[in-house]
Amino acid sequence: MEGIAREAGVSTETVYSIFGTKRNVLYRLVEMAVLGDERSIPLMERPRPQEVRRQTDQRAQVRLFAADMRKIMGRVSPLFEIMDTAAGSEPEIAALRAKW
């Protein structure tokens, strides 16, 4: 939390007051990594998933889906590594990681 505060140029107390716990920080980071931005548009309502849904050729649909998943997992996998490391000493993070 101290590192996050330092990078953000705020106090550690500010980070805790916004997120409450390390688990909440990681949850929000994963959420943003999956979505790719901070907009509050559900994943399935975003343009790319809608494009996949509209696609009538199943092979093209799978290619589009796989391309999107590759991008998403590229953003999410480093966060999963952090959670895997922290899970050994942080039960809340272990529970979060088990969820995903």
PDB file of N, CA and C in Angstrom:
ATOM      1  N   MET A   1       0.822  -1.184   0.000  1.00  0.00           N
ATOM      2  CA  MET A   1       0.000   0.000   0.000  1.00  0.00           C
ATOM      3  C   MET A   1       0.870   1.254   0.000  1.00  0.00           C
ATOM      4  N   GLU A   2       2.027   1.131   0.689  1.00  0.00           N
ATOM      5  CA  GLU A   2       2.937   2.271   0.729  1.00  0.00           C
ATOM      6  C   GLU A   2       3.454   2.596  -0.673  1.00  0.00           C
ATOM      7  N   GLY A   3       3.786   1.571  -1.435  1.00  0.00           N
ATOM      8  CA  GLY A   3       4.274   1.774  -2.795  1.00  0.00           C
ATOM      9  C   GLY A   3       3.223   2.399  -3.698  1.00  0.00           C
ATOM     10  N   ILE A   4       2.001   1.961  -3.555  1.00  0.00           N
ATOM     11  CA  ILE A   4       0.899   2.536  -4.336  1.00  0.00           C
ATOM     12  C   ILE A   4       0.749   4.009  -3.988  1.00  0.00           C
ATOM     13  N   ALA A   5       0.768   4.293  -2.701  1.00  0.00           N
ATOM     14  CA  ALA A   5       0.641   5.683  -2.253  1.00  0.00           C
ATOM     15  C   ALA A   5       1.778   6.536  -2.803  1.00  0.00           C
ATOM     16  N   ARG A   6       2.985   6.007  -2.727  1.00  0.00           N
ATOM     17  CA  ARG A   6       4.153   6.746  -3.208  1.00  0.00           C
ATOM     18  C   ARG A   6       4.012   7.036  -4.707  1.00  0.00           C
ATOM     19  N   GLU A   7       3.656   6.023  -5.489  1.00  0.00           N
ATOM     20  CA  GLU A   7       3.511   6.210  -6.940  1.00  0.00           C
ATOM     21  C   GLU A   7       2.391   7.187  -7.283  1.00  0.00           C
ATOM     22  N   ALA A   8       1.334   7.171  -6.469  1.00  0.00           N
ATOM     23  CA  ALA A   8       0.199   8.059  -6.718  1.00  0.00           C
ATOM     24  C   ALA A   8       0.417   9.465  -6.162  1.00  0.00           C
ATOM     25  N   GLY A   9       1.461   9.612  -5.338  1.00  0.00           N
ATOM     26  CA  GLY A   9       1.728  10.914  -4.746  1.00  0.00           C
ATOM     27  C   GLY A   9       0.738  11.290  -3.660  1.00  0.00           C
ATOM     28  N   VAL A  10       0.257  10.259  -2.963  1.00  0.00           N
ATOM     29  CA  VAL A  10      -0.689  10.494  -1.870  1.00  0.00           C
ATOM     30  C   VAL A  10      -0.191   9.765  -0.626  1.00  0.00           C
ATOM     31  N   SER A  11      -0.868   9.983   0.486  1.00  0.00           N
ATOM     32  CA  SER A  11      -0.482   9.282   1.709  1.00  0.00           C
ATOM     33  C   SER A  11      -1.030   7.858   1.698  1.00  0.00           C
ATOM     34  N   THR A  12      -0.391   6.999   2.479  1.00  0.00           N
ATOM     35  CA  THR A  12      -0.868   5.624   2.625  1.00  0.00           C
ATOM     36  C   THR A  12      -2.286   5.626   3.183  1.00  0.00           C
ATOM     37  N   GLU A  13      -2.573   6.536   4.084  1.00  0.00           N
ATOM     38  CA  GLU A  13      -3.911   6.650   4.662  1.00  0.00           C
ATOM     39  C   GLU A  13      -4.960   6.920   3.580  1.00  0.00           C
ATOM     40  N   THR A  14      -4.582   7.708   2.575  1.00  0.00           N
ATOM     41  CA  THR A  14      -5.512   8.005   1.482  1.00  0.00           C
ATOM     42  C   THR A  14      -5.837   6.735   0.711  1.00  0.00           C
ATOM     43  N   VAL A  15      -4.830   5.926   0.437  1.00  0.00           N
ATOM     44  CA  VAL A  15      -5.060   4.668  -0.280  1.00  0.00           C
ATOM     45  C   VAL A  15      -5.990   3.771   0.533  1.00  0.00           C
ATOM     46  N   TYR A  16      -5.720   3.650   1.825  1.00  0.00           N
ATOM     47  CA  TYR A  16      -6.586   2.836   2.683  1.00  0.00           C
ATOM     48  C   TYR A  16      -7.999   3.406   2.754  1.00  0.00           C
ATOM     49  N   SER A  17      -8.129   4.725   2.788  1.00  0.00           N
ATOM     50  CA  SER A  17      -9.471   5.305   2.886  1.00  0.00           C
ATOM     51  C   SER A  17     -10.275   5.092   1.607  1.00  0.00           C
ATOM     52  N   ILE A  18      -9.608   5.013   0.480  1.00  0.00           N
ATOM     53  CA  ILE A  18     -10.301   4.790  -0.792  1.00  0.00           C
ATOM     54  C   ILE A  18     -10.627   3.315  -0.987  1.00  0.00           C
ATOM     55  N   PHE A  19      -9.642   2.443  -0.732  1.00  0.00           N
ATOM     56  CA  PHE A  19      -9.808   1.019  -1.041  1.00  0.00           C
ATOM     57  C   PHE A  19     -10.086   0.145   0.176  1.00  0.00           C
ATOM     58  N   GLY A  20      -9.640   0.553   1.323  1.00  0.00           N
ATOM     59  CA  GLY A  20      -9.875  -0.229   2.530  1.00  0.00           C
ATOM     60  C   GLY A  20      -8.869  -1.339   2.754  1.00  0.00           C
ATOM     61  N   THR A  21      -8.690  -2.223   1.781  1.00  0.00           N
ATOM     62  CA  THR A  21      -7.803  -3.373   1.947  1.00  0.00           C
ATOM     63  C   THR A  21      -6.993  -3.625   0.682  1.00  0.00           C
ATOM     64  N   LYS A  22      -5.957  -4.411   0.837  1.00  0.00           N
ATOM     65  CA  LYS A  22      -5.163  -4.825  -0.324  1.00  0.00           C
ATOM     66  C   LYS A  22      -6.017  -5.647  -1.281  1.00  0.00           C
ATOM     67  N   ARG A  23      -6.901  -6.460  -0.706  1.00  0.00           N
ATOM     68  CA  ARG A  23      -7.803  -7.263  -1.528  1.00  0.00           C
ATOM     69  C   ARG A  23      -8.631  -6.371  -2.447  1.00  0.00           C
ATOM     70  N   ASN A  24      -9.148  -5.280  -1.916  1.00  0.00           N
ATOM     71  CA  ASN A  24      -9.960  -4.369  -2.724  1.00  0.00           C
ATOM     72  C   ASN A  24      -9.141  -3.693  -3.817  1.00  0.00           C
ATOM     73  N   VAL A  25      -7.893  -3.378  -3.523  1.00  0.00           N
ATOM     74  CA  VAL A  25      -7.014  -2.797  -4.544  1.00  0.00           C
ATOM     75  C   VAL A  25      -6.844  -3.804  -5.684  1.00  0.00           C
ATOM     76  N   LEU A  26      -6.520  -5.042  -5.337  1.00  0.00           N
ATOM     77  CA  LEU A  26      -6.319  -6.071  -6.367  1.00  0.00           C
ATOM     78  C   LEU A  26      -7.602  -6.355  -7.139  1.00  0.00           C
ATOM     79  N   TYR A  27      -8.723  -6.390  -6.445  1.00  0.00           N
ATOM     80  CA  TYR A  27     -10.002  -6.622  -7.115  1.00  0.00           C
ATOM     81  C   TYR A  27     -10.240  -5.546  -8.171  1.00  0.00           C
ATOM     82  N   ARG A  28     -10.041  -4.293  -7.787  1.00  0.00           N
ATOM     83  CA  ARG A  28     -10.263  -3.181  -8.726  1.00  0.00           C
ATOM     84  C   ARG A  28      -9.267  -3.223  -9.879  1.00  0.00           C
ATOM     85  N   LEU A  29      -8.026  -3.569  -9.596  1.00  0.00           N
ATOM     86  CA  LEU A  29      -7.033  -3.669 -10.661  1.00  0.00           C
ATOM     87  C   LEU A  29      -7.394  -4.759 -11.662  1.00  0.00           C
ATOM     88  N   VAL A  30      -7.845  -5.902 -11.170  1.00  0.00           N
ATOM     89  CA  VAL A  30      -8.250  -6.988 -12.077  1.00  0.00           C
ATOM     90  C   VAL A  30      -9.459  -6.547 -12.894  1.00  0.00           C
ATOM     91  N   GLU A  31     -10.401  -5.922 -12.242  1.00  0.00           N
ATOM     92  CA  GLU A  31     -11.589  -5.436 -12.944  1.00  0.00           C
ATOM     93  C   GLU A  31     -11.201  -4.490 -14.081  1.00  0.00           C
ATOM     94  N   MET A  32     -10.307  -3.559 -13.783  1.00  0.00           N
ATOM     95  CA  MET A  32      -9.852  -2.619 -14.815  1.00  0.00           C
ATOM     96  C   MET A  32      -9.047  -3.327 -15.896  1.00  0.00           C
ATOM     97  N   ALA A  33      -8.256  -4.320 -15.524  1.00  0.00           N
ATOM     98  CA  ALA A  33      -7.462  -5.053 -16.511  1.00  0.00           C
ATOM     99  C   ALA A  33      -8.358  -5.845 -17.455  1.00  0.00           C
ATOM    100  N   VAL A  34      -9.403  -6.436 -16.921  1.00  0.00           N
ATOM    101  CA  VAL A  34     -10.330  -7.187 -17.771  1.00  0.00           C
ATOM    102  C   VAL A  34     -11.035  -6.238 -18.732  1.00  0.00           C
ATOM    103  N   LEU A  35     -11.517  -5.127 -18.222  1.00  0.00           N
ATOM    104  CA  LEU A  35     -12.259  -4.184 -19.055  1.00  0.00           C
ATOM    105  C   LEU A  35     -11.352  -3.364 -19.966  1.00  0.00           C
ATOM    106  N   GLY A  36     -10.135  -3.102 -19.532  1.00  0.00           N
ATOM    107  CA  GLY A  36      -9.194  -2.348 -20.354  1.00  0.00           C
ATOM    108  C   GLY A  36      -9.219  -0.852 -20.118  1.00  0.00           C
ATOM    109  N   ASP A  37     -10.164  -0.391 -19.287  1.00  0.00           N
ATOM    110  CA  ASP A  37     -10.236   1.030 -18.972  1.00  0.00           C
ATOM    111  C   ASP A  37     -11.113   1.229 -17.738  1.00  0.00           C
ATOM    112  N   GLU A  38     -11.351   2.482 -17.395  1.00  0.00           N
ATOM    113  CA  GLU A  38     -12.110   2.796 -16.179  1.00  0.00           C
ATOM    114  C   GLU A  38     -13.592   3.051 -16.439  1.00  0.00           C
ATOM    115  N   ARG A  39     -14.020   2.965 -17.680  1.00  0.00           N
ATOM    116  CA  ARG A  39     -15.434   3.233 -17.975  1.00  0.00           C
ATOM    117  C   ARG A  39     -16.319   2.175 -17.315  1.00  0.00           C
ATOM    118  N   SER A  40     -17.473   2.571 -16.864  1.00  0.00           N
ATOM    119  CA  SER A  40     -18.370   1.644 -16.167  1.00  0.00           C
ATOM    120  C   SER A  40     -19.342   0.971 -17.131  1.00  0.00           C
ATOM    121  N   ILE A  41     -18.787   0.422 -18.203  1.00  0.00           N
ATOM    122  CA  ILE A  41     -19.583  -0.320 -19.187  1.00  0.00           C
ATOM    123  C   ILE A  41     -19.299  -1.801 -18.969  1.00  0.00           C
ATOM    124  N   PRO A  42     -20.341  -2.592 -18.697  1.00  0.00           N
ATOM    125  CA  PRO A  42     -20.111  -4.038 -18.501  1.00  0.00           C
ATOM    126  C   PRO A  42     -19.408  -4.655 -19.705  1.00  0.00           C
ATOM    127  N   LEU A  43     -18.603  -5.656 -19.441  1.00  0.00           N
ATOM    128  CA  LEU A  43     -17.784  -6.289 -20.481  1.00  0.00           C
ATOM    129  C   LEU A  43     -18.614  -6.703 -21.694  1.00  0.00           C
ATOM    130  N   MET A  44     -19.713  -7.371 -21.469  1.00  0.00           N
ATOM    131  CA  MET A  44     -20.493  -7.901 -22.585  1.00  0.00           C
ATOM    132  C   MET A  44     -21.228  -6.828 -23.378  1.00  0.00           C
ATOM    133  N   GLU A  45     -21.245  -5.598 -22.885  1.00  0.00           N
ATOM    134  CA  GLU A  45     -21.870  -4.496 -23.613  1.00  0.00           C
ATOM    135  C   GLU A  45     -20.850  -3.665 -24.384  1.00  0.00           C
ATOM    136  N   ARG A  46     -19.617  -4.037 -24.305  1.00  0.00           N
ATOM    137  CA  ARG A  46     -18.551  -3.303 -24.988  1.00  0.00           C
ATOM    138  C   ARG A  46     -18.494  -3.707 -26.465  1.00  0.00           C
ATOM    139  N   PRO A  47     -17.895  -2.849 -27.302  1.00  0.00           N
ATOM    140  CA  PRO A  47     -17.905  -3.095 -28.752  1.00  0.00           C
ATOM    141  C   PRO A  47     -17.346  -4.458 -29.191  1.00  0.00           C
ATOM    142  N   ARG A  48     -16.193  -4.859 -28.661  1.00  0.00           N
ATOM    143  CA  ARG A  48     -15.604  -6.132 -29.141  1.00  0.00           C
ATOM    144  C   ARG A  48     -16.469  -7.342 -28.820  1.00  0.00           C
ATOM    145  N   PRO A  49     -16.938  -7.520 -27.583  1.00  0.00           N
ATOM    146  CA  PRO A  49     -17.827  -8.654 -27.331  1.00  0.00           C
ATOM    147  C   PRO A  49     -19.103  -8.585 -28.172  1.00  0.00           C
ATOM    148  N   GLN A  50     -19.597  -7.391 -28.420  1.00  0.00           N
ATOM    149  CA  GLN A  50     -20.776  -7.258 -29.269  1.00  0.00           C
ATOM    150  C   GLN A  50     -20.459  -7.683 -30.707  1.00  0.00           C
ATOM    151  N   GLU A  51     -19.259  -7.348 -31.162  1.00  0.00           N
ATOM    152  CA  GLU A  51     -18.827  -7.763 -32.498  1.00  0.00           C
ATOM    153  C   GLU A  51     -18.758  -9.290 -32.583  1.00  0.00           C
ATOM    154  N   VAL A  52     -18.234  -9.916 -31.545  1.00  0.00           N
ATOM    155  CA  VAL A  52     -18.170 -11.380 -31.500  1.00  0.00           C
ATOM    156  C   VAL A  52     -19.580 -11.959 -31.550  1.00  0.00           C
ATOM    157  N   ARG A  53     -20.483 -11.391 -30.815  1.00  0.00           N
ATOM    158  CA  ARG A  53     -21.867 -11.892 -30.775  1.00  0.00           C
ATOM    159  C   ARG A  53     -22.564 -11.746 -32.119  1.00  0.00           C
ATOM    160  N   ARG A  54     -22.258 -10.664 -32.845  1.00  0.00           N
ATOM    161  CA  ARG A  54     -22.903 -10.427 -34.144  1.00  0.00           C
ATOM    162  C   ARG A  54     -22.327 -11.297 -35.255  1.00  0.00           C
ATOM    163  N   GLN A  55     -21.129 -11.778 -35.047  1.00  0.00           N
ATOM    164  CA  GLN A  55     -20.446 -12.572 -36.077  1.00  0.00           C
ATOM    165  C   GLN A  55     -21.230 -13.864 -36.335  1.00  0.00           C
ATOM    166  N   THR A  56     -21.500 -14.129 -37.593  1.00  0.00           N
ATOM    167  CA  THR A  56     -22.264 -15.331 -37.944  1.00  0.00           C
ATOM    168  C   THR A  56     -21.362 -16.513 -38.292  1.00  0.00           C
ATOM    169  N   ASP A  57     -20.148 -16.243 -38.683  1.00  0.00           N
ATOM    170  CA  ASP A  57     -19.189 -17.314 -38.992  1.00  0.00           C
ATOM    171  C   ASP A  57     -18.532 -17.754 -37.682  1.00  0.00           C
ATOM    172  N   GLN A  58     -18.748 -18.995 -37.301  1.00  0.00           N
ATOM    173  CA  GLN A  58     -18.243 -19.468 -36.010  1.00  0.00           C
ATOM    174  C   GLN A  58     -16.725 -19.443 -35.920  1.00  0.00           C
ATOM    175  N   ARG A  59     -16.038 -19.725 -37.014  1.00  0.00           N
ATOM    176  CA  ARG A  59     -14.566 -19.670 -36.980  1.00  0.00           C
ATOM    177  C   ARG A  59     -14.085 -18.250 -36.725  1.00  0.00           C
ATOM    178  N   ALA A  60     -14.706 -17.303 -37.397  1.00  0.00           N
ATOM    179  CA  ALA A  60     -14.345 -15.900 -37.179  1.00  0.00           C
ATOM    180  C   ALA A  60     -14.691 -15.489 -35.742  1.00  0.00           C
ATOM    181  N   GLN A  61     -15.808 -15.988 -35.254  1.00  0.00           N
ATOM    182  CA  GLN A  61     -16.221 -15.684 -33.886  1.00  0.00           C
ATOM    183  C   GLN A  61     -15.180 -16.182 -32.881  1.00  0.00           C
ATOM    184  N   VAL A  62     -14.703 -17.408 -33.076  1.00  0.00           N
ATOM    185  CA  VAL A  62     -13.688 -17.968 -32.180  1.00  0.00           C
ATOM    186  C   VAL A  62     -12.387 -17.184 -32.287  1.00  0.00           C
ATOM    187  N   ARG A  63     -11.997 -16.792 -33.511  1.00  0.00           N
ATOM    188  CA  ARG A  63     -10.768 -16.002 -33.686  1.00  0.00           C
ATOM    189  C   ARG A  63     -10.870 -14.665 -32.952  1.00  0.00           C
ATOM    190  N   LEU A  64     -11.995 -13.982 -33.103  1.00  0.00           N
ATOM    191  CA  LEU A  64     -12.188 -12.701 -32.422  1.00  0.00           C
ATOM    192  C   LEU A  64     -12.160 -12.879 -30.913  1.00  0.00           C
ATOM    193  N   PHE A  65     -12.855 -13.894 -30.424  1.00  0.00           N
ATOM    194  CA  PHE A  65     -12.894 -14.163 -28.991  1.00  0.00           C
ATOM    195  C   PHE A  65     -11.493 -14.466 -28.458  1.00  0.00           C
ATOM    196  N   ALA A  66     -10.764 -15.305 -29.178  1.00  0.00           N
ATOM    197  CA  ALA A  66      -9.405 -15.673 -28.743  1.00  0.00           C
ATOM    198  C   ALA A  66      -8.491 -14.456 -28.730  1.00  0.00           C
ATOM    199  N   ALA A  67      -8.609 -13.595 -29.716  1.00  0.00           N
ATOM    200  CA  ALA A  67      -7.778 -12.387 -29.766  1.00  0.00           C
ATOM    201  C   ALA A  67      -8.083 -11.487 -28.567  1.00  0.00           C
ATOM    202  N   ASP A  68      -9.347 -11.349 -28.240  1.00  0.00           N
ATOM    203  CA  ASP A  68      -9.722 -10.540 -27.080  1.00  0.00           C
ATOM    204  C   ASP A  68      -9.216 -11.160 -25.786  1.00  0.00           C
ATOM    205  N   MET A  69      -9.352 -12.473 -25.651  1.00  0.00           N
ATOM    206  CA  MET A  69      -8.895 -13.146 -24.438  1.00  0.00           C
ATOM    207  C   MET A  69      -7.377 -13.038 -24.285  1.00  0.00           C
ATOM    208  N   ARG A  70      -6.651 -13.097 -25.385  1.00  0.00           N
ATOM    209  CA  ARG A  70      -5.195 -12.955 -25.322  1.00  0.00           C
ATOM    210  C   ARG A  70      -4.823 -11.582 -24.768  1.00  0.00           C
ATOM    211  N   LYS A  71      -5.522 -10.544 -25.221  1.00  0.00           N
ATOM    212  CA  LYS A  71      -5.262  -9.192 -24.717  1.00  0.00           C
ATOM    213  C   LYS A  71      -5.619  -9.083 -23.234  1.00  0.00           C
ATOM    214  N   ILE A  72      -6.784  -9.595 -22.878  1.00  0.00           N
ATOM    215  CA  ILE A  72      -7.235  -9.509 -21.488  1.00  0.00           C
ATOM    216  C   ILE A  72      -6.281 -10.263 -20.573  1.00  0.00           C
ATOM    217  N   MET A  73      -5.932 -11.478 -20.933  1.00  0.00           N
ATOM    218  CA  MET A  73      -5.051 -12.280 -20.079  1.00  0.00           C
ATOM    219  C   MET A  73      -3.652 -11.675 -19.997  1.00  0.00           C
ATOM    220  N   GLY A  74      -3.226 -11.003 -21.044  1.00  0.00           N
ATOM    221  CA  GLY A  74      -1.941 -10.302 -20.988  1.00  0.00           C
ATOM    222  C   GLY A  74      -1.938  -9.203 -19.946  1.00  0.00           C
ATOM    223  N   ARG A  75      -3.103  -8.580 -19.755  1.00  0.00           N
ATOM    224  CA  ARG A  75      -3.215  -7.533 -18.738  1.00  0.00           C
ATOM    225  C   ARG A  75      -3.443  -8.115 -17.343  1.00  0.00           C
ATOM    226  N   VAL A  76      -4.158  -9.228 -17.254  1.00  0.00           N
ATOM    227  CA  VAL A  76      -4.550  -9.793 -15.968  1.00  0.00           C
ATOM    228  C   VAL A  76      -3.494 -10.709 -15.358  1.00  0.00           C
ATOM    229  N   SER A  77      -2.766 -11.436 -16.177  1.00  0.00           N
ATOM    230  CA  SER A  77      -1.847 -12.452 -15.642  1.00  0.00           C
ATOM    231  C   SER A  77      -0.800 -11.893 -14.676  1.00  0.00           C
ATOM    232  N   PRO A  78      -0.233 -10.698 -14.887  1.00  0.00           N
ATOM    233  CA  PRO A  78       0.704 -10.188 -13.869  1.00  0.00           C
ATOM    234  C   PRO A  78       0.028  -9.962 -12.509  1.00  0.00           C
ATOM    235  N   LEU A  79      -1.237  -9.595 -12.535  1.00  0.00           N
ATOM    236  CA  LEU A  79      -1.966  -9.405 -11.280  1.00  0.00           C
ATOM    237  C   LEU A  79      -2.221 -10.744 -10.596  1.00  0.00           C
ATOM    238  N   PHE A  80      -2.485 -11.775 -11.383  1.00  0.00           N
ATOM    239  CA  PHE A  80      -2.651 -13.105 -10.808  1.00  0.00           C
ATOM    240  C   PHE A  80      -1.350 -13.579 -10.159  1.00  0.00           C
ATOM    241  N   GLU A  81      -0.222 -13.253 -10.769  1.00  0.00           N
ATOM    242  CA  GLU A  81       1.069 -13.610 -10.173  1.00  0.00           C
ATOM    243  C   GLU A  81       1.259 -12.911  -8.828  1.00  0.00           C
ATOM    244  N   ILE A  82       0.872 -11.650  -8.749  1.00  0.00           N
ATOM    245  CA  ILE A  82       0.949 -10.913  -7.487  1.00  0.00           C
ATOM    246  C   ILE A  82       0.063 -11.588  -6.448  1.00  0.00           C
ATOM    247  N   MET A  83      -1.155 -11.932  -6.845  1.00  0.00           N
ATOM    248  CA  MET A  83      -2.070 -12.593  -5.909  1.00  0.00           C
ATOM    249  C   MET A  83      -1.536 -13.944  -5.463  1.00  0.00           C
ATOM    250  N   ASP A  84      -0.942 -14.696  -6.389  1.00  0.00           N
ATOM    251  CA  ASP A  84      -0.387 -16.006  -6.027  1.00  0.00           C
ATOM    252  C   ASP A  84       0.702 -15.851  -4.971  1.00  0.00           C
ATOM    253  N   THR A  85       1.534 -14.844  -5.122  1.00  0.00           N
ATOM    254  CA  THR A  85       2.601 -14.592  -4.160  1.00  0.00           C
ATOM    255  C   THR A  85       2.039 -14.141  -2.810  1.00  0.00           C
ATOM    256  N   ALA A  86       1.087 -13.218  -2.855  1.00  0.00           N
ATOM    257  CA  ALA A  86       0.525 -12.665  -1.620  1.00  0.00           C
ATOM    258  C   ALA A  86      -0.394 -13.644  -0.900  1.00  0.00           C
ATOM    259  N   ALA A  87      -0.960 -14.589  -1.617  1.00  0.00           N
ATOM    260  CA  ALA A  87      -1.932 -15.510  -1.027  1.00  0.00           C
ATOM    261  C   ALA A  87      -1.359 -16.303   0.143  1.00  0.00           C
ATOM    262  N   GLY A  88      -0.058 -16.544   0.147  1.00  0.00           N
ATOM    263  CA  GLY A  88       0.554 -17.299   1.224  1.00  0.00           C
ATOM    264  C   GLY A  88       0.489 -16.616   2.578  1.00  0.00           C
ATOM    265  N   SER A  89       0.450 -15.295   2.572  1.00  0.00           N
ATOM    266  CA  SER A  89       0.431 -14.566   3.849  1.00  0.00           C
ATOM    267  C   SER A  89      -0.808 -13.693   4.030  1.00  0.00           C
ATOM    268  N   GLU A  90      -1.641 -13.621   3.024  1.00  0.00           N
ATOM    269  CA  GLU A  90      -2.834 -12.757   3.072  1.00  0.00           C
ATOM    270  C   GLU A  90      -4.080 -13.593   2.765  1.00  0.00           C
ATOM    271  N   PRO A  91      -4.784 -14.073   3.792  1.00  0.00           N
ATOM    272  CA  PRO A  91      -5.963 -14.922   3.564  1.00  0.00           C
ATOM    273  C   PRO A  91      -7.041 -14.295   2.676  1.00  0.00           C
ATOM    274  N   GLU A  92      -7.252 -12.982   2.785  1.00  0.00           N
ATOM    275  CA  GLU A  92      -8.250 -12.320   1.934  1.00  0.00           C
ATOM    276  C   GLU A  92      -7.869 -12.393   0.460  1.00  0.00           C
ATOM    277  N   ILE A  93      -6.588 -12.262   0.192  1.00  0.00           N
ATOM    278  CA  ILE A  93      -6.114 -12.336  -1.189  1.00  0.00           C
ATOM    279  C   ILE A  93      -6.167 -13.778  -1.676  1.00  0.00           C
ATOM    280  N   ALA A  94      -5.864 -14.729  -0.796  1.00  0.00           N
ATOM    281  CA  ALA A  94      -5.985 -16.145  -1.165  1.00  0.00           C
ATOM    282  C   ALA A  94      -7.412 -16.466  -1.560  1.00  0.00           C
ATOM    283  N   ALA A  95      -8.376 -15.950  -0.814  1.00  0.00           N
ATOM    284  CA  ALA A  95      -9.795 -16.177  -1.131  1.00  0.00           C
ATOM    285  C   ALA A  95     -10.179 -15.536  -2.454  1.00  0.00           C
ATOM    286  N   LEU A  96      -9.662 -14.345  -2.702  1.00  0.00           N
ATOM    287  CA  LEU A  96      -9.925 -13.667  -3.973  1.00  0.00           C
ATOM    288  C   LEU A  96      -9.341 -14.454  -5.135  1.00  0.00           C
ATOM    289  N   ARG A  97      -8.113 -14.909  -4.968  1.00  0.00           N
ATOM    290  CA  ARG A  97      -7.453 -15.669  -6.040  1.00  0.00           C
ATOM    291  C   ARG A  97      -8.195 -16.969  -6.311  1.00  0.00           C
ATOM    292  N   ALA A  98      -8.682 -17.613  -5.260  1.00  0.00           N
ATOM    293  CA  ALA A  98      -9.429 -18.863  -5.433  1.00  0.00           C
ATOM    294  C   ALA A  98     -10.719 -18.618  -6.222  1.00  0.00           C
ATOM    295  N   LYS A  99     -11.257 -17.433  -6.097  1.00  0.00           N
ATOM    296  CA  LYS A  99     -12.485 -17.060  -6.833  1.00  0.00           C
ATOM    297  C   LYS A  99     -12.217 -17.005  -8.337  1.00  0.00           C
ATOM    298  N   TRP A 100     -10.990 -16.581  -8.726  1.00  0.00           N
ATOM    299  CA  TRP A 100     -10.636 -16.461 -10.129  1.00  0.00           C
ATOM    300  C   TRP A 100      -9.769 -17.590 -10.540  1.00  0.00           C
TER     301      TRP A 100
END
